[in-house]
């Protein structure tokens, strides 16, 4: 295990928030493309890239482990579907001039998640 590097963490965190903050500009630039098509590309390319990384990096047997545990596969499928729905709504909102509503939704989402976690778990 490597020692924590706060400077690297700050740089990576700032980079992630910068990229996330620039997404609306990109989505607005491709607003002629339907939101569902953007998300289909995002899901397919992410799945392909993620699978390749998992196969060759640290977890070569990940697919076998997942195939042997259908409950985990179902949970991952459900969570993936919910995330895709979230992305579709976000891209649709940006492409239809609803950036303020989308940003407020993303602002309040963690608060609602914590509240639901406290109530349900």
PDB file of N, CA and C in Angstrom:
ATOM      1  N   UNK A   1       0.845  -1.177   0.000  1.00  0.00           N
ATOM      2  CA  UNK A   1       0.000   0.000   0.000  1.00  0.00           C
ATOM      3  C   UNK A   1       0.888   1.237   0.000  1.00  0.00           C
ATOM      4  N   UNK A   2       0.539   2.192  -0.841  1.00  0.00           N
ATOM      5  CA  UNK A   2       1.333   3.406  -0.946  1.00  0.00           C
ATOM      6  C   UNK A   2       0.895   4.426   0.096  1.00  0.00           C
ATOM      7  N   UNK A   3       1.841   5.274   0.470  1.00  0.00           N
ATOM      8  CA  UNK A   3       1.521   6.352   1.393  1.00  0.00           C
ATOM      9  C   UNK A   3       0.655   7.385   0.675  1.00  0.00           C
ATOM     10  N   UNK A   4      -0.210   8.048   1.437  1.00  0.00           N
ATOM     11  CA  UNK A   4      -1.094   9.057   0.857  1.00  0.00           C
ATOM     12  C   UNK A   4      -0.287  10.247   0.361  1.00  0.00           C
ATOM     13  N   UNK A   5      -0.671  10.758  -0.781  1.00  0.00           N
ATOM     14  CA  UNK A   5      -0.037  11.928  -1.358  1.00  0.00           C
ATOM     15  C   UNK A   5      -1.115  13.000  -1.510  1.00  0.00           C
ATOM     16  N   UNK A   6      -1.227  13.915  -0.530  1.00  0.00           N
ATOM     17  CA  UNK A   6      -2.308  14.905  -0.567  1.00  0.00           C
ATOM     18  C   UNK A   6      -2.285  15.776  -1.823  1.00  0.00           C
ATOM     19  N   UNK A   7      -1.104  16.148  -2.281  1.00  0.00           N
ATOM     20  CA  UNK A   7      -1.017  17.008  -3.470  1.00  0.00           C
ATOM     21  C   UNK A   7      -1.613  16.305  -4.688  1.00  0.00           C
ATOM     22  N   UNK A   8      -1.255  15.039  -4.860  1.00  0.00           N
ATOM     23  CA  UNK A   8      -1.790  14.268  -5.982  1.00  0.00           C
ATOM     24  C   UNK A   8      -3.307  14.133  -5.855  1.00  0.00           C
ATOM     25  N   UNK A   9      -3.784  13.920  -4.634  1.00  0.00           N
ATOM     26  CA  UNK A   9      -5.222  13.819  -4.403  1.00  0.00           C
ATOM     27  C   UNK A   9      -5.956  15.099  -4.763  1.00  0.00           C
ATOM     28  N   UNK A  10      -5.400  16.243  -4.378  1.00  0.00           N
ATOM     29  CA  UNK A  10      -6.016  17.523  -4.723  1.00  0.00           C
ATOM     30  C   UNK A  10      -6.060  17.725  -6.235  1.00  0.00           C
ATOM     31  N   UNK A  11      -4.962  17.389  -6.899  1.00  0.00           N
ATOM     32  CA  UNK A  11      -4.900  17.555  -8.357  1.00  0.00           C
ATOM     33  C   UNK A  11      -5.918  16.642  -9.042  1.00  0.00           C
ATOM     34  N   UNK A  12      -5.987  15.383  -8.609  1.00  0.00           N
ATOM     35  CA  UNK A  12      -6.945  14.455  -9.211  1.00  0.00           C
ATOM     36  C   UNK A  12      -8.387  14.879  -8.925  1.00  0.00           C
ATOM     37  N   UNK A  13      -8.656  15.319  -7.716  1.00  0.00           N
ATOM     38  CA  UNK A  13     -10.002  15.788  -7.381  1.00  0.00           C
ATOM     39  C   UNK A  13     -10.395  17.013  -8.186  1.00  0.00           C
ATOM     40  N   UNK A  14      -9.493  17.970  -8.283  1.00  0.00           N
ATOM     41  CA  UNK A  14      -9.761  19.171  -9.072  1.00  0.00           C
ATOM     42  C   UNK A  14      -9.968  18.826 -10.542  1.00  0.00           C
ATOM     43  N   UNK A  15      -9.174  17.900 -11.043  1.00  0.00           N
ATOM     44  CA  UNK A  15      -9.324  17.467 -12.440  1.00  0.00           C
ATOM     45  C   UNK A  15     -10.684  16.820 -12.672  1.00  0.00           C
ATOM     46  N   UNK A  16     -11.099  15.964 -11.754  1.00  0.00           N
ATOM     47  CA  UNK A  16     -12.393  15.292 -11.900  1.00  0.00           C
ATOM     48  C   UNK A  16     -13.539  16.304 -11.899  1.00  0.00           C
ATOM     49  N   UNK A  17     -13.511  17.260 -10.973  1.00  0.00           N
ATOM     50  CA  UNK A  17     -14.572  18.261 -10.925  1.00  0.00           C
ATOM     51  C   UNK A  17     -14.543  19.176 -12.143  1.00  0.00           C
ATOM     52  N   UNK A  18     -13.367  19.464 -12.657  1.00  0.00           N
ATOM     53  CA  UNK A  18     -13.262  20.287 -13.867  1.00  0.00           C
ATOM     54  C   UNK A  18     -13.861  19.565 -15.063  1.00  0.00           C
ATOM     55  N   UNK A  19     -13.508  18.300 -15.230  1.00  0.00           N
ATOM     56  CA  UNK A  19     -14.065  17.519 -16.343  1.00  0.00           C
ATOM     57  C   UNK A  19     -15.582  17.429 -16.201  1.00  0.00           C
ATOM     58  N   UNK A  20     -16.064  17.138 -14.999  1.00  0.00           N
ATOM     59  CA  UNK A  20     -17.504  17.031 -14.775  1.00  0.00           C
ATOM     60  C   UNK A  20     -18.188  18.367 -15.054  1.00  0.00           C
ATOM     61  N   UNK A  21     -17.552  19.465 -14.678  1.00  0.00           N
ATOM     62  CA  UNK A  21     -18.125  20.788 -14.919  1.00  0.00           C
ATOM     63  C   UNK A  21     -18.164  21.172 -16.385  1.00  0.00           C
ATOM     64  N   UNK A  22     -17.286  20.591 -17.191  1.00  0.00           N
ATOM     65  CA  UNK A  22     -17.257  20.897 -18.622  1.00  0.00           C
ATOM     66  C   UNK A  22     -18.198  20.013 -19.441  1.00  0.00           C
ATOM     67  N   UNK A  23     -18.741  18.969 -18.854  1.00  0.00           N
ATOM     68  CA  UNK A  23     -19.660  18.091 -19.589  1.00  0.00           C
ATOM     69  C   UNK A  23     -20.833  18.837 -20.229  1.00  0.00           C
ATOM     70  N   UNK A  24     -21.485  19.778 -19.529  1.00  0.00           N
ATOM     71  CA  UNK A  24     -22.606  20.471 -20.181  1.00  0.00           C
ATOM     72  C   UNK A  24     -22.204  21.190 -21.472  1.00  0.00           C
ATOM     73  N   UNK A  25     -21.010  21.723 -21.525  1.00  0.00           N
ATOM     74  CA  UNK A  25     -20.554  22.385 -22.753  1.00  0.00           C
ATOM     75  C   UNK A  25     -20.465  21.368 -23.881  1.00  0.00           C
ATOM     76  N   UNK A  26     -19.916  20.206 -23.582  1.00  0.00           N
ATOM     77  CA  UNK A  26     -19.803  19.150 -24.590  1.00  0.00           C
ATOM     78  C   UNK A  26     -21.183  18.661 -25.023  1.00  0.00           C
ATOM     79  N   UNK A  27     -22.067  18.400 -24.059  1.00  0.00           N
ATOM     80  CA  UNK A  27     -23.398  17.906 -24.397  1.00  0.00           C
ATOM     81  C   UNK A  27     -24.186  18.939 -25.201  1.00  0.00           C
ATOM     82  N   UNK A  28     -24.006  20.214 -24.881  1.00  0.00           N
ATOM     83  CA  UNK A  28     -24.688  21.265 -25.638  1.00  0.00           C
ATOM     84  C   UNK A  28     -24.157  21.317 -27.067  1.00  0.00           C
ATOM     85  N   UNK A  29     -22.859  21.064 -27.237  1.00  0.00           N
ATOM     86  CA  UNK A  29     -22.262  21.088 -28.578  1.00  0.00           C
ATOM     87  C   UNK A  29     -22.797  19.963 -29.450  1.00  0.00           C
ATOM     88  N   UNK A  30     -23.200  18.869 -28.853  1.00  0.00           N
ATOM     89  CA  UNK A  30     -23.741  17.749 -29.633  1.00  0.00           C
ATOM     90  C   UNK A  30     -25.246  17.599 -29.383  1.00  0.00           C
ATOM     91  N   UNK A  31     -25.920  18.707 -29.155  1.00  0.00           N
ATOM     92  CA  UNK A  31     -27.347  18.656 -28.819  1.00  0.00           C
ATOM     93  C   UNK A  31     -28.216  18.138 -29.959  1.00  0.00           C
ATOM     94  N   UNK A  32     -27.687  18.099 -31.188  1.00  0.00           N
ATOM     95  CA  UNK A  32     -28.460  17.544 -32.309  1.00  0.00           C
ATOM     96  C   UNK A  32     -28.617  16.028 -32.184  1.00  0.00           C
ATOM     97  N   UNK A  33     -27.742  15.404 -31.406  1.00  0.00           N
ATOM     98  CA  UNK A  33     -27.800  13.953 -31.206  1.00  0.00           C
ATOM     99  C   UNK A  33     -28.770  13.672 -30.058  1.00  0.00           C
ATOM    100  N   UNK A  34     -29.690  12.719 -30.232  1.00  0.00           N
ATOM    101  CA  UNK A  34     -30.633  12.400 -29.144  1.00  0.00           C
ATOM    102  C   UNK A  34     -29.908  11.912 -27.882  1.00  0.00           C
ATOM    103  N   UNK A  35     -30.473  12.243 -26.733  1.00  0.00           N
ATOM    104  CA  UNK A  35     -29.858  11.883 -25.450  1.00  0.00           C
ATOM    105  C   UNK A  35     -29.650  10.380 -25.329  1.00  0.00           C
ATOM    106  N   UNK A  36     -30.610   9.598 -25.793  1.00  0.00           N
ATOM    107  CA  UNK A  36     -30.488   8.139 -25.666  1.00  0.00           C
ATOM    108  C   UNK A  36     -29.298   7.619 -26.467  1.00  0.00           C
ATOM    109  N   UNK A  37     -29.040   8.209 -27.633  1.00  0.00           N
ATOM    110  CA  UNK A  37     -27.896   7.771 -28.441  1.00  0.00           C
ATOM    111  C   UNK A  37     -26.574   8.116 -27.757  1.00  0.00           C
ATOM    112  N   UNK A  38     -26.508   9.282 -27.144  1.00  0.00           N
ATOM    113  CA  UNK A  38     -25.303   9.676 -26.403  1.00  0.00           C
ATOM    114  C   UNK A  38     -25.044   8.684 -25.274  1.00  0.00           C
ATOM    115  N   UNK A  39     -26.094   8.319 -24.549  1.00  0.00           N
ATOM    116  CA  UNK A  39     -25.940   7.409 -23.416  1.00  0.00           C
ATOM    117  C   UNK A  39     -25.592   6.003 -23.880  1.00  0.00           C
ATOM    118  N   UNK A  40     -26.184   5.554 -24.981  1.00  0.00           N
ATOM    119  CA  UNK A  40     -25.839   4.226 -25.498  1.00  0.00           C
ATOM    120  C   UNK A  40     -24.352   4.164 -25.827  1.00  0.00           C
ATOM    121  N   UNK A  41     -23.842   5.198 -26.490  1.00  0.00           N
ATOM    122  CA  UNK A  41     -22.406   5.228 -26.781  1.00  0.00           C
ATOM    123  C   UNK A  41     -21.595   5.247 -25.485  1.00  0.00           C
ATOM    124  N   UNK A  42     -22.032   6.049 -24.544  1.00  0.00           N
ATOM    125  CA  UNK A  42     -21.296   6.159 -23.275  1.00  0.00           C
ATOM    126  C   UNK A  42     -21.251   4.819 -22.548  1.00  0.00           C
ATOM    127  N   UNK A  43     -22.375   4.126 -22.499  1.00  0.00           N
ATOM    128  CA  UNK A  43     -22.438   2.838 -21.805  1.00  0.00           C
ATOM    129  C   UNK A  43     -21.604   1.788 -22.531  1.00  0.00           C
ATOM    130  N   UNK A  44     -21.776   1.683 -23.843  1.00  0.00           N
ATOM    131  CA  UNK A  44     -21.048   0.652 -24.596  1.00  0.00           C
ATOM    132  C   UNK A  44     -19.537   0.851 -24.541  1.00  0.00           C
ATOM    133  N   UNK A  45     -19.083   2.073 -24.780  1.00  0.00           N
ATOM    134  CA  UNK A  45     -17.636   2.319 -24.770  1.00  0.00           C
ATOM    135  C   UNK A  45     -17.062   2.181 -23.360  1.00  0.00           C
ATOM    136  N   UNK A  46     -17.815   2.606 -22.344  1.00  0.00           N
ATOM    137  CA  UNK A  46     -17.340   2.442 -20.963  1.00  0.00           C
ATOM    138  C   UNK A  46     -17.257   0.973 -20.583  1.00  0.00           C
ATOM    139  N   UNK A  47     -18.261   0.187 -20.977  1.00  0.00           N
ATOM    140  CA  UNK A  47     -18.247  -1.247 -20.672  1.00  0.00           C
ATOM    141  C   UNK A  47     -17.082  -1.939 -21.363  1.00  0.00           C
ATOM    142  N   UNK A  48     -16.852  -1.606 -22.620  1.00  0.00           N
ATOM    143  CA  UNK A  48     -15.744  -2.211 -23.356  1.00  0.00           C
ATOM    144  C   UNK A  48     -14.404  -1.850 -22.716  1.00  0.00           C
ATOM    145  N   UNK A  49     -14.190  -0.565 -22.472  1.00  0.00           N
ATOM    146  CA  UNK A  49     -12.930  -0.122 -21.878  1.00  0.00           C
ATOM    147  C   UNK A  49     -12.747  -0.693 -20.472  1.00  0.00           C
ATOM    148  N   UNK A  50     -13.809  -0.656 -19.657  1.00  0.00           N
ATOM    149  CA  UNK A  50     -13.727  -1.199 -18.299  1.00  0.00           C
ATOM    150  C   UNK A  50     -13.437  -2.686 -18.286  1.00  0.00           C
ATOM    151  N   UNK A  51     -14.044  -3.425 -19.205  1.00  0.00           N
ATOM    152  CA  UNK A  51     -13.791  -4.868 -19.290  1.00  0.00           C
ATOM    153  C   UNK A  51     -12.345  -5.157 -19.654  1.00  0.00           C
ATOM    154  N   UNK A  52     -11.823  -4.400 -20.595  1.00  0.00           N
ATOM    155  CA  UNK A  52     -10.421  -4.592 -20.997  1.00  0.00           C
ATOM    156  C   UNK A  52      -9.488  -4.283 -19.836  1.00  0.00           C
ATOM    157  N   UNK A  53      -9.754  -3.195 -19.140  1.00  0.00           N
ATOM    158  CA  UNK A  53      -8.913  -2.831 -17.992  1.00  0.00           C
ATOM    159  C   UNK A  53      -8.977  -3.920 -16.928  1.00  0.00           C
ATOM    160  N   UNK A  54     -10.174  -4.412 -16.616  1.00  0.00           N
ATOM    161  CA  UNK A  54     -10.306  -5.457 -15.594  1.00  0.00           C
ATOM    162  C   UNK A  54      -9.622  -6.754 -16.005  1.00  0.00           C
ATOM    163  N   UNK A  55      -9.697  -7.105 -17.285  1.00  0.00           N
ATOM    164  CA  UNK A  55      -9.081  -8.358 -17.738  1.00  0.00           C
ATOM    165  C   UNK A  55      -7.561  -8.322 -17.644  1.00  0.00           C
ATOM    166  N   UNK A  56      -6.979  -7.207 -17.993  1.00  0.00           N
ATOM    167  CA  UNK A  56      -5.525  -7.172 -18.106  1.00  0.00           C
ATOM    168  C   UNK A  56      -4.818  -6.499 -16.940  1.00  0.00           C
ATOM    169  N   UNK A  57      -5.553  -5.840 -16.064  1.00  0.00           N
ATOM    170  CA  UNK A  57      -4.870  -5.102 -15.027  1.00  0.00           C
ATOM    171  C   UNK A  57      -4.746  -5.929 -13.757  1.00  0.00           C
ATOM    172  N   UNK A  58      -5.799  -6.045 -12.991  1.00  0.00           N
ATOM    173  CA  UNK A  58      -5.670  -6.702 -11.687  1.00  0.00           C
ATOM    174  C   UNK A  58      -6.630  -7.862 -11.483  1.00  0.00           C
ATOM    175  N   UNK A  59      -7.681  -7.939 -12.248  1.00  0.00           N
ATOM    176  CA  UNK A  59      -8.728  -8.925 -11.982  1.00  0.00           C
ATOM    177  C   UNK A  59      -9.029  -9.759 -13.222  1.00  0.00           C
ATOM    178  N   UNK A  60      -8.137 -10.656 -13.595  1.00  0.00           N
ATOM    179  CA  UNK A  60      -8.383 -11.423 -14.819  1.00  0.00           C
ATOM    180  C   UNK A  60      -9.587 -12.360 -14.730  1.00  0.00           C
ATOM    181  N   UNK A  61      -9.998 -12.786 -13.553  1.00  0.00           N
ATOM    182  CA  UNK A  61     -11.120 -13.710 -13.415  1.00  0.00           C
ATOM    183  C   UNK A  61     -12.426 -13.041 -13.022  1.00  0.00           C
ATOM    184  N   UNK A  62     -12.564 -11.751 -13.270  1.00  0.00           N
ATOM    185  CA  UNK A  62     -13.741 -11.017 -12.815  1.00  0.00           C
ATOM    186  C   UNK A  62     -15.030 -11.535 -13.448  1.00  0.00           C
ATOM    187  N   UNK A  63     -15.005 -11.887 -14.730  1.00  0.00           N
ATOM    188  CA  UNK A  63     -16.226 -12.335 -15.395  1.00  0.00           C
ATOM    189  C   UNK A  63     -16.685 -13.685 -14.834  1.00  0.00           C
ATOM    190  N   UNK A  64     -15.741 -14.578 -14.580  1.00  0.00           N
ATOM    191  CA  UNK A  64     -16.067 -15.891 -14.010  1.00  0.00           C
ATOM    192  C   UNK A  64     -16.678 -15.714 -12.618  1.00  0.00           C
ATOM    193  N   UNK A  65     -16.071 -14.848 -11.804  1.00  0.00           N
ATOM    194  CA  UNK A  65     -16.604 -14.600 -10.465  1.00  0.00           C
ATOM    195  C   UNK A  65     -18.015 -14.016 -10.526  1.00  0.00           C
ATOM    196  N   UNK A  66     -18.231 -13.119 -11.462  1.00  0.00           N
ATOM    197  CA  UNK A  66     -19.540 -12.497 -11.610  1.00  0.00           C
ATOM    198  C   UNK A  66     -20.574 -13.498 -12.124  1.00  0.00           C
ATOM    199  N   UNK A  67     -20.182 -14.340 -13.052  1.00  0.00           N
ATOM    200  CA  UNK A  67     -21.080 -15.351 -13.611  1.00  0.00           C
ATOM    201  C   UNK A  67     -21.486 -16.372 -12.546  1.00  0.00           C
ATOM    202  N   UNK A  68     -20.599 -16.654 -11.603  1.00  0.00           N
ATOM    203  CA  UNK A  68     -20.889 -17.621 -10.545  1.00  0.00           C
ATOM    204  C   UNK A  68     -21.738 -17.040  -9.417  1.00  0.00           C
ATOM    205  N   UNK A  69     -21.993 -15.745  -9.440  1.00  0.00           N
ATOM    206  CA  UNK A  69     -22.786 -15.098  -8.403  1.00  0.00           C
ATOM    207  C   UNK A  69     -23.924 -14.306  -9.060  1.00  0.00           C
ATOM    208  N   UNK A  70     -25.043 -14.962  -9.395  1.00  0.00           N
ATOM    209  CA  UNK A  70     -26.127 -14.285 -10.112  1.00  0.00           C
ATOM    210  C   UNK A  70     -26.767 -13.141  -9.322  1.00  0.00           C
ATOM    211  N   UNK A  71     -26.743 -13.230  -7.992  1.00  0.00           N
ATOM    212  CA  UNK A  71     -27.319 -12.142  -7.198  1.00  0.00           C
ATOM    213  C   UNK A  71     -26.497 -10.862  -7.382  1.00  0.00           C
ATOM    214  N   UNK A  72     -25.190 -10.982  -7.374  1.00  0.00           N
ATOM    215  CA  UNK A  72     -24.326  -9.824  -7.587  1.00  0.00           C
ATOM    216  C   UNK A  72     -24.527  -9.266  -8.996  1.00  0.00           C
ATOM    217  N   UNK A  73     -24.671 -10.160  -9.968  1.00  0.00           N
ATOM    218  CA  UNK A  73     -24.911  -9.734 -11.349  1.00  0.00           C
ATOM    219  C   UNK A  73     -26.222  -8.958 -11.449  1.00  0.00           C
ATOM    220  N   UNK A  74     -27.260  -9.420 -10.751  1.00  0.00           N
ATOM    221  CA  UNK A  74     -28.552  -8.721 -10.767  1.00  0.00           C
ATOM    222  C   UNK A  74     -28.439  -7.341 -10.128  1.00  0.00           C
ATOM    223  N   UNK A  75     -27.723  -7.248  -9.016  1.00  0.00           N
ATOM    224  CA  UNK A  75     -27.540  -5.955  -8.350  1.00  0.00           C
ATOM    225  C   UNK A  75     -26.765  -5.000  -9.253  1.00  0.00           C
ATOM    226  N   UNK A  76     -25.718  -5.499  -9.907  1.00  0.00           N
ATOM    227  CA  UNK A  76     -24.950  -4.655 -10.826  1.00  0.00           C
ATOM    228  C   UNK A  76     -25.792  -4.221 -12.021  1.00  0.00           C
ATOM    229  N   UNK A  77     -26.632  -5.114 -12.537  1.00  0.00           N
ATOM    230  CA  UNK A  77     -27.502  -4.760 -13.661  1.00  0.00           C
ATOM    231  C   UNK A  77     -28.506  -3.684 -13.249  1.00  0.00           C
ATOM    232  N   UNK A  78     -29.077  -3.825 -12.060  1.00  0.00           N
ATOM    233  CA  UNK A  78     -30.022  -2.820 -11.572  1.00  0.00           C
ATOM    234  C   UNK A  78     -29.337  -1.473 -11.366  1.00  0.00           C
ATOM    235  N   UNK A  79     -28.176  -1.479 -10.725  1.00  0.00           N
ATOM    236  CA  UNK A  79     -27.476  -0.215 -10.488  1.00  0.00           C
ATOM    237  C   UNK A  79     -27.043   0.422 -11.808  1.00  0.00           C
ATOM    238  N   UNK A  80     -26.612  -0.378 -12.767  1.00  0.00           N
ATOM    239  CA  UNK A  80     -26.246   0.152 -14.079  1.00  0.00           C
ATOM    240  C   UNK A  80     -27.431   0.774 -14.793  1.00  0.00           C
ATOM    241  N   UNK A  81     -28.592   0.146 -14.677  1.00  0.00           N
ATOM    242  CA  UNK A  81     -29.805   0.684 -15.293  1.00  0.00           C
ATOM    243  C   UNK A  81     -30.195   2.014 -14.657  1.00  0.00           C
ATOM    244  N   UNK A  82     -30.103   2.096 -13.341  1.00  0.00           N
ATOM    245  CA  UNK A  82     -30.437   3.347 -12.650  1.00  0.00           C
ATOM    246  C   UNK A  82     -29.464   4.465 -13.009  1.00  0.00           C
ATOM    247  N   UNK A  83     -28.185   4.148 -13.108  1.00  0.00           N
ATOM    248  CA  UNK A  83     -27.196   5.156 -13.494  1.00  0.00           C
ATOM    249  C   UNK A  83     -27.439   5.618 -14.925  1.00  0.00           C
ATOM    250  N   UNK A  84     -27.752   4.685 -15.827  1.00  0.00           N
ATOM    251  CA  UNK A  84     -28.041   5.059 -17.215  1.00  0.00           C
ATOM    252  C   UNK A  84     -29.266   5.972 -17.286  1.00  0.00           C
ATOM    253  N   UNK A  85     -30.293   5.677 -16.498  1.00  0.00           N
ATOM    254  CA  UNK A  85     -31.478   6.541 -16.465  1.00  0.00           C
ATOM    255  C   UNK A  85     -31.112   7.933 -15.963  1.00  0.00           C
ATOM    256  N   UNK A  86     -30.269   8.000 -14.948  1.00  0.00           N
ATOM    257  CA  UNK A  86     -29.792   9.275 -14.425  1.00  0.00           C
ATOM    258  C   UNK A  86     -29.059  10.055 -15.515  1.00  0.00           C
ATOM    259  N   UNK A  87     -28.185   9.391 -16.252  1.00  0.00           N
ATOM    260  CA  UNK A  87     -27.435  10.051 -17.329  1.00  0.00           C
ATOM    261  C   UNK A  87     -28.361  10.545 -18.431  1.00  0.00           C
ATOM    262  N   UNK A  88     -29.358   9.734 -18.789  1.00  0.00           N
ATOM    263  CA  UNK A  88     -30.292  10.144 -19.845  1.00  0.00           C
ATOM    264  C   UNK A  88     -31.027  11.416 -19.438  1.00  0.00           C
ATOM    265  N   UNK A  89     -31.504  11.464 -18.209  1.00  0.00           N
ATOM    266  CA  UNK A  89     -32.204  12.658 -17.733  1.00  0.00           C
ATOM    267  C   UNK A  89     -31.265  13.860 -17.731  1.00  0.00           C
ATOM    268  N   UNK A  90     -30.034  13.670 -17.305  1.00  0.00           N
ATOM    269  CA  UNK A  90     -29.068  14.769 -17.267  1.00  0.00           C
ATOM    270  C   UNK A  90     -28.770  15.295 -18.667  1.00  0.00           C
ATOM    271  N   UNK A  91     -28.475  14.403 -19.606  1.00  0.00           N
ATOM    272  CA  UNK A  91     -28.162  14.831 -20.972  1.00  0.00           C
ATOM    273  C   UNK A  91     -29.385  15.477 -21.609  1.00  0.00           C
ATOM    274  N   UNK A  92     -30.559  14.904 -21.382  1.00  0.00           N
ATOM    275  CA  UNK A  92     -31.780  15.503 -21.914  1.00  0.00           C
ATOM    276  C   UNK A  92     -31.971  16.912 -21.361  1.00  0.00           C
ATOM    277  N   UNK A  93     -31.764  17.080 -20.059  1.00  0.00           N
ATOM    278  CA  UNK A  93     -31.943  18.392 -19.432  1.00  0.00           C
ATOM    279  C   UNK A  93     -30.982  19.418 -20.020  1.00  0.00           C
ATOM    280  N   UNK A  94     -29.733  19.052 -20.192  1.00  0.00           N
ATOM    281  CA  UNK A  94     -28.753  19.980 -20.760  1.00  0.00           C
ATOM    282  C   UNK A  94     -29.120  20.320 -22.199  1.00  0.00           C
ATOM    283  N   UNK A  95     -29.492  19.320 -22.982  1.00  0.00           N
ATOM    284  CA  UNK A  95     -29.813  19.546 -24.394  1.00  0.00           C
ATOM    285  C   UNK A  95     -31.111  20.322 -24.598  1.00  0.00           C
ATOM    286  N   UNK A  96     -31.953  20.387 -23.579  1.00  0.00           N
ATOM    287  CA  UNK A  96     -33.220  21.103 -23.694  1.00  0.00           C
ATOM    288  C   UNK A  96     -33.247  22.382 -22.862  1.00  0.00           C
ATOM    289  N   UNK A  97     -32.072  22.918 -22.558  1.00  0.00           N
ATOM    290  CA  UNK A  97     -31.995  24.201 -21.870  1.00  0.00           C
ATOM    291  C   UNK A  97     -32.395  24.158 -20.411  1.00  0.00           C
ATOM    292  N   UNK A  98     -32.273  23.040 -19.768  1.00  0.00           N
ATOM    293  CA  UNK A  98     -32.636  22.894 -18.355  1.00  0.00           C
ATOM    294  C   UNK A  98     -31.396  22.672 -17.490  1.00  0.00           C
ATOM    295  N   UNK A  99     -30.351  23.443 -17.750  1.00  0.00           N
ATOM    296  CA  UNK A  99     -29.091  23.249 -17.020  1.00  0.00           C
ATOM    297  C   UNK A  99     -29.228  23.589 -15.544  1.00  0.00           C
ATOM    298  N   UNK A 100     -29.979  24.630 -15.232  1.00  0.00           N
ATOM    299  CA  UNK A 100     -30.152  25.006 -13.828  1.00  0.00           C
ATOM    300  C   UNK A 100     -30.855  23.893 -13.051  1.00  0.00           C
ATOM    301  N   UNK A 101     -31.909  23.337 -13.632  1.00  0.00           N
ATOM    302  CA  UNK A 101     -32.622  22.247 -12.973  1.00  0.00           C
ATOM    303  C   UNK A 101     -31.727  21.020 -12.803  1.00  0.00           C
ATOM    304  N   UNK A 102     -30.933  20.719 -13.841  1.00  0.00           N
ATOM    305  CA  UNK A 102     -30.023  19.569 -13.759  1.00  0.00           C
ATOM    306  C   UNK A 102     -28.979  19.784 -12.671  1.00  0.00           C
ATOM    307  N   UNK A 103     -28.429  20.989 -12.601  1.00  0.00           N
ATOM    308  CA  UNK A 103     -27.399  21.243 -11.589  1.00  0.00           C
ATOM    309  C   UNK A 103     -27.988  21.221 -10.183  1.00  0.00           C
ATOM    310  N   UNK A 104     -29.193  21.727 -10.010  1.00  0.00           N
ATOM    311  CA  UNK A 104     -29.830  21.659  -8.692  1.00  0.00           C
ATOM    312  C   UNK A 104     -30.136  20.217  -8.303  1.00  0.00           C
ATOM    313  N   UNK A 105     -30.537  19.414  -9.286  1.00  0.00           N
ATOM    314  CA  UNK A 105     -30.775  17.995  -9.013  1.00  0.00           C
ATOM    315  C   UNK A 105     -29.513  17.290  -8.558  1.00  0.00           C
ATOM    316  N   UNK A 106     -28.401  17.592  -9.222  1.00  0.00           N
ATOM    317  CA  UNK A 106     -27.137  16.967  -8.828  1.00  0.00           C
ATOM    318  C   UNK A 106     -26.634  17.514  -7.498  1.00  0.00           C
ATOM    319  N   UNK A 107     -27.018  18.738  -7.160  1.00  0.00           N
ATOM    320  CA  UNK A 107     -26.622  19.315  -5.880  1.00  0.00           C
ATOM    321  C   UNK A 107     -27.367  18.639  -4.729  1.00  0.00           C
ATOM    322  N   UNK A 108     -28.658  18.429  -4.910  1.00  0.00           N
ATOM    323  CA  UNK A 108     -29.467  17.889  -3.820  1.00  0.00           C
ATOM    324  C   UNK A 108     -29.426  16.364  -3.742  1.00  0.00           C
ATOM    325  N   UNK A 109     -28.999  15.703  -4.795  1.00  0.00           N
ATOM    326  CA  UNK A 109     -28.995  14.243  -4.847  1.00  0.00           C
ATOM    327  C   UNK A 109     -28.241  13.592  -3.674  1.00  0.00           C
ATOM    328  N   UNK A 110     -27.022  14.023  -3.338  1.00  0.00           N
ATOM    329  CA  UNK A 110     -26.341  13.382  -2.191  1.00  0.00           C
ATOM    330  C   UNK A 110     -27.100  13.559  -0.874  1.00  0.00           C
ATOM    331  N   UNK A 111     -27.747  14.698  -0.709  1.00  0.00           N
ATOM    332  CA  UNK A 111     -28.520  14.917   0.515  1.00  0.00           C
ATOM    333  C   UNK A 111     -29.701  13.956   0.595  1.00  0.00           C
ATOM    334  N   UNK A 112     -30.382  13.763  -0.514  1.00  0.00           N
ATOM    335  CA  UNK A 112     -31.509  12.824  -0.554  1.00  0.00           C
ATOM    336  C   UNK A 112     -31.010  11.399  -0.326  1.00  0.00           C
ATOM    337  N   UNK A 113     -29.863  11.056  -0.905  1.00  0.00           N
ATOM    338  CA  UNK A 113     -29.301   9.714  -0.707  1.00  0.00           C
ATOM    339  C   UNK A 113     -28.997   9.450   0.766  1.00  0.00           C
ATOM    340  N   UNK A 114     -28.426  10.422   1.441  1.00  0.00           N
ATOM    341  CA  UNK A 114     -28.122  10.265   2.866  1.00  0.00           C
ATOM    342  C   UNK A 114     -29.418  10.114   3.660  1.00  0.00           C
ATOM    343  N   UNK A 115     -30.408  10.934   3.351  1.00  0.00           N
ATOM    344  CA  UNK A 115     -31.692  10.850   4.045  1.00  0.00           C
ATOM    345  C   UNK A 115     -32.341   9.483   3.837  1.00  0.00           C
ATOM    346  N   UNK A 116     -32.370   9.010   2.596  1.00  0.00           N
ATOM    347  CA  UNK A 116     -32.945   7.693   2.328  1.00  0.00           C
ATOM    348  C   UNK A 116     -32.149   6.584   3.012  1.00  0.00           C
ATOM    349  N   UNK A 117     -30.832   6.723   3.041  1.00  0.00           N
ATOM    350  CA  UNK A 117     -30.006   5.739   3.732  1.00  0.00           C
ATOM    351  C   UNK A 117     -30.307   5.689   5.218  1.00  0.00           C
ATOM    352  N   UNK A 118     -30.517   6.853   5.815  1.00  0.00           N
ATOM    353  CA  UNK A 118     -30.843   6.900   7.240  1.00  0.00           C
ATOM    354  C   UNK A 118     -32.222   6.297   7.509  1.00  0.00           C
ATOM    355  N   UNK A 119     -33.157   6.530   6.612  1.00  0.00           N
ATOM    356  CA  UNK A 119     -34.520   6.035   6.816  1.00  0.00           C
ATOM    357  C   UNK A 119     -34.662   4.547   6.513  1.00  0.00           C
ATOM    358  N   UNK A 120     -33.965   4.068   5.491  1.00  0.00           N
ATOM    359  CA  UNK A 120     -34.169   2.700   5.026  1.00  0.00           C
ATOM    360  C   UNK A 120     -33.148   1.695   5.536  1.00  0.00           C
ATOM    361  N   UNK A 121     -31.973   2.140   5.913  1.00  0.00           N
ATOM    362  CA  UNK A 121     -30.937   1.175   6.316  1.00  0.00           C
ATOM    363  C   UNK A 121     -30.797   1.073   7.797  1.00  0.00           C
TER     364      UNK A 121
END
